[in-house]
Amino acid sequence: MHQLTLSWKNILPLIPGNKSFSFPSFHYAHLALVIALTLFVV
């Protein structure tokens, strides 16, 4: 659970800077996974 929180907090600053991502599909997939995990935890 602590790792999930860490990854979630680490992803937050990357959301507005997704333009710098070379693989947008990977970014959106990770973002969707984080959202699903957040909904599951909450």
PDB file of N, CA and C in Angstrom:
ATOM      1  N   MET A   1       0.827  -1.202   0.000  1.00  0.00           N
ATOM      2  CA  MET A   1       0.000   0.000   0.000  1.00  0.00           C
ATOM      3  C   MET A   1       0.874   1.270   0.000  1.00  0.00           C
ATOM      4  N   HIS A   2       1.985   1.209   0.742  1.00  0.00           N
ATOM      5  CA  HIS A   2       2.863   2.379   0.786  1.00  0.00           C
ATOM      6  C   HIS A   2       3.487   2.635  -0.588  1.00  0.00           C
ATOM      7  N   GLN A   3       3.790   1.551  -1.304  1.00  0.00           N
ATOM      8  CA  GLN A   3       4.357   1.706  -2.641  1.00  0.00           C
ATOM      9  C   GLN A   3       3.339   2.345  -3.576  1.00  0.00           C
ATOM     10  N   LEU A   4       2.058   1.994  -3.397  1.00  0.00           N
ATOM     11  CA  LEU A   4       1.010   2.583  -4.233  1.00  0.00           C
ATOM     12  C   LEU A   4       0.947   4.086  -4.009  1.00  0.00           C
ATOM     13  N   THR A   5       1.015   4.495  -2.740  1.00  0.00           N
ATOM     14  CA  THR A   5       0.963   5.924  -2.431  1.00  0.00           C
ATOM     15  C   THR A   5       2.159   6.643  -3.028  1.00  0.00           C
ATOM     16  N   LEU A   6       3.324   6.012  -2.947  1.00  0.00           N
ATOM     17  CA  LEU A   6       4.528   6.622  -3.505  1.00  0.00           C
ATOM     18  C   LEU A   6       4.396   6.800  -5.012  1.00  0.00           C
ATOM     19  N   SER A   7       3.960   5.751  -5.705  1.00  0.00           N
ATOM     20  CA  SER A   7       3.828   5.834  -7.160  1.00  0.00           C
ATOM     21  C   SER A   7       2.773   6.871  -7.533  1.00  0.00           C
ATOM     22  N   TRP A   8       1.694   6.946  -6.737  1.00  0.00           N
ATOM     23  CA  TRP A   8       0.631   7.918  -7.015  1.00  0.00           C
ATOM     24  C   TRP A   8       1.159   9.337  -6.866  1.00  0.00           C
ATOM     25  N   LYS A   9       1.926   9.586  -5.795  1.00  0.00           N
ATOM     26  CA  LYS A   9       2.488  10.920  -5.579  1.00  0.00           C
ATOM     27  C   LYS A   9       3.552  11.244  -6.614  1.00  0.00           C
ATOM     28  N   ASN A  10       4.266  10.226  -7.086  1.00  0.00           N
ATOM     29  CA  ASN A  10       5.301  10.459  -8.093  1.00  0.00           C
ATOM     30  C   ASN A  10       4.691  10.735  -9.458  1.00  0.00           C
ATOM     31  N   ILE A  11       3.502  10.193  -9.709  1.00  0.00           N
ATOM     32  CA  ILE A  11       2.841  10.380 -11.004  1.00  0.00           C
ATOM     33  C   ILE A  11       2.187  11.749 -11.091  1.00  0.00           C
ATOM     34  N   LEU A  12       1.714  12.268  -9.970  1.00  0.00           N
ATOM     35  CA  LEU A  12       1.006  13.556  -9.962  1.00  0.00           C
ATOM     36  C   LEU A  12       1.772  14.664 -10.687  1.00  0.00           C
ATOM     37  N   PRO A  13       3.064  14.884 -10.367  1.00  0.00           N
ATOM     38  CA  PRO A  13       3.786  15.960 -11.057  1.00  0.00           C
ATOM     39  C   PRO A  13       3.993  15.675 -12.547  1.00  0.00           C
ATOM     40  N   LEU A  14       3.832  14.425 -12.958  1.00  0.00           N
ATOM     41  CA  LEU A  14       4.060  14.076 -14.363  1.00  0.00           C
ATOM     42  C   LEU A  14       2.823  14.344 -15.211  1.00  0.00           C
ATOM     43  N   ILE A  15       1.659  14.459 -14.580  1.00  0.00           N
ATOM     44  CA  ILE A  15       0.411  14.630 -15.330  1.00  0.00           C
ATOM     45  C   ILE A  15       0.426  15.894 -16.194  1.00  0.00           C
ATOM     46  N   PRO A  16       0.769  17.083 -15.641  1.00  0.00           N
ATOM     47  CA  PRO A  16       0.780  18.285 -16.473  1.00  0.00           C
ATOM     48  C   PRO A  16       1.931  18.292 -17.475  1.00  0.00           C
ATOM     49  N   GLY A  17       2.958  17.466 -17.241  1.00  0.00           N
ATOM     50  CA  GLY A  17       4.119  17.461 -18.131  1.00  0.00           C
ATOM     51  C   GLY A  17       4.149  16.234 -19.021  1.00  0.00           C
ATOM     52  N   ASN A  18       2.955  15.730 -19.385  1.00  0.00           N
ATOM     53  CA  ASN A  18       2.907  14.505 -20.182  1.00  0.00           C
ATOM     54  C   ASN A  18       3.455  14.737 -21.590  1.00  0.00           C
ATOM     55  N   LYS A  19       3.637  16.004 -21.994  1.00  0.00           N
ATOM     56  CA  LYS A  19       4.168  16.295 -23.329  1.00  0.00           C
ATOM     57  C   LYS A  19       5.613  15.828 -23.451  1.00  0.00           C
ATOM     58  N   SER A  20       6.306  15.752 -22.320  1.00  0.00           N
ATOM     59  CA  SER A  20       7.709  15.347 -22.350  1.00  0.00           C
ATOM     60  C   SER A  20       7.845  13.831 -22.460  1.00  0.00           C
ATOM     61  N   PHE A  21       6.717  13.132 -22.319  1.00  0.00           N
ATOM     62  CA  PHE A  21       6.749  11.673 -22.414  1.00  0.00           C
ATOM     63  C   PHE A  21       6.921  11.229 -23.865  1.00  0.00           C
ATOM     64  N   SER A  22       7.817  10.309 -24.079  1.00  0.00           N
ATOM     65  CA  SER A  22       8.037   9.803 -25.427  1.00  0.00           C
ATOM     66  C   SER A  22       6.977   8.771 -25.793  1.00  0.00           C
ATOM     67  N   PHE A  23       6.381   8.169 -24.755  1.00  0.00           N
ATOM     68  CA  PHE A  23       5.367   7.147 -24.987  1.00  0.00           C
ATOM     69  C   PHE A  23       4.066   7.551 -24.293  1.00  0.00           C
ATOM     70  N   PRO A  24       3.243   8.390 -24.972  1.00  0.00           N
ATOM     71  CA  PRO A  24       1.998   8.862 -24.370  1.00  0.00           C
ATOM     72  C   PRO A  24       1.079   7.702 -23.998  1.00  0.00           C
ATOM     73  N   SER A  25       1.085   6.640 -24.792  1.00  0.00           N
ATOM     74  CA  SER A  25       0.199   5.500 -24.523  1.00  0.00           C
ATOM     75  C   SER A  25       0.552   4.878 -23.173  1.00  0.00           C
ATOM     76  N   PHE A  26       1.849   4.773 -22.892  1.00  0.00           N
ATOM     77  CA  PHE A  26       2.292   4.217 -21.614  1.00  0.00           C
ATOM     78  C   PHE A  26       1.873   5.138 -20.469  1.00  0.00           C
ATOM     79  N   HIS A  27       1.979   6.442 -20.696  1.00  0.00           N
ATOM     80  CA  HIS A  27       1.613   7.416 -19.674  1.00  0.00           C
ATOM     81  C   HIS A  27       0.133   7.314 -19.342  1.00  0.00           C
ATOM     82  N   TYR A  28      -0.695   7.279 -20.381  1.00  0.00           N
ATOM     83  CA  TYR A  28      -2.136   7.210 -20.156  1.00  0.00           C
ATOM     84  C   TYR A  28      -2.529   5.878 -19.517  1.00  0.00           C
ATOM     85  N   ALA A  29      -1.836   4.812 -19.895  1.00  0.00           N
ATOM     86  CA  ALA A  29      -2.125   3.509 -19.299  1.00  0.00           C
ATOM     87  C   ALA A  29      -1.777   3.527 -17.810  1.00  0.00           C
ATOM     88  N   HIS A  30      -0.646   4.114 -17.475  1.00  0.00           N
ATOM     89  CA  HIS A  30      -0.232   4.217 -16.077  1.00  0.00           C
ATOM     90  C   HIS A  30      -1.197   5.114 -15.312  1.00  0.00           C
ATOM     91  N   LEU A  31      -1.598   6.221 -15.950  1.00  0.00           N
ATOM     92  CA  LEU A  31      -2.523   7.153 -15.303  1.00  0.00           C
ATOM     93  C   LEU A  31      -3.855   6.470 -15.035  1.00  0.00           C
ATOM     94  N   ALA A  32      -4.348   5.696 -16.004  1.00  0.00           N
ATOM     95  CA  ALA A  32      -5.613   4.972 -15.819  1.00  0.00           C
ATOM     96  C   ALA A  32      -5.482   3.968 -14.679  1.00  0.00           C
ATOM     97  N   LEU A  33      -4.324   3.313 -14.596  1.00  0.00           N
ATOM     98  CA  LEU A  33      -4.093   2.337 -13.523  1.00  0.00           C
ATOM     99  C   LEU A  33      -4.093   3.040 -12.166  1.00  0.00           C
ATOM    100  N   VAL A  34      -3.446   4.201 -12.092  1.00  0.00           N
ATOM    101  CA  VAL A  34      -3.400   4.965 -10.840  1.00  0.00           C
ATOM    102  C   VAL A  34      -4.806   5.392 -10.427  1.00  0.00           C
ATOM    103  N   ILE A  35      -5.598   5.858 -11.396  1.00  0.00           N
ATOM    104  CA  ILE A  35      -6.978   6.279 -11.098  1.00  0.00           C
ATOM    105  C   ILE A  35      -7.792   5.095 -10.590  1.00  0.00           C
ATOM    106  N   ALA A  36      -7.650   3.951 -11.241  1.00  0.00           N
ATOM    107  CA  ALA A  36      -8.397   2.761 -10.823  1.00  0.00           C
ATOM    108  C   ALA A  36      -7.987   2.347  -9.407  1.00  0.00           C
ATOM    109  N   LEU A  37      -6.689   2.387  -9.125  1.00  0.00           N
ATOM    110  CA  LEU A  37      -6.206   2.026  -7.783  1.00  0.00           C
ATOM    111  C   LEU A  37      -6.718   3.032  -6.751  1.00  0.00           C
ATOM    112  N   THR A  38      -6.734   4.307  -7.120  1.00  0.00           N
ATOM    113  CA  THR A  38      -7.217   5.340  -6.197  1.00  0.00           C
ATOM    114  C   THR A  38      -8.685   5.116  -5.873  1.00  0.00           C
ATOM    115  N   LEU A  39      -9.488   4.829  -6.896  1.00  0.00           N
ATOM    116  CA  LEU A  39     -10.909   4.578  -6.676  1.00  0.00           C
ATOM    117  C   LEU A  39     -11.103   3.336  -5.814  1.00  0.00           C
ATOM    118  N   PHE A  40     -10.256   2.343  -6.025  1.00  0.00           N
ATOM    119  CA  PHE A  40     -10.366   1.095  -5.256  1.00  0.00           C
ATOM    120  C   PHE A  40     -10.020   1.338  -3.790  1.00  0.00           C
ATOM    121  N   VAL A  41      -8.960   2.116  -3.558  1.00  0.00           N
ATOM    122  CA  VAL A  41      -8.527   2.401  -2.180  1.00  0.00           C
ATOM    123  C   VAL A  41      -9.552   3.281  -1.476  1.00  0.00           C
ATOM    124  N   VAL A  42     -10.057   4.293  -2.184  1.00  0.00           N
ATOM    125  CA  VAL A  42     -11.023   5.209  -1.572  1.00  0.00           C
ATOM    126  C   VAL A  42     -12.388   4.543  -1.546  1.00  0.00           C
TER     127      VAL A  42
END
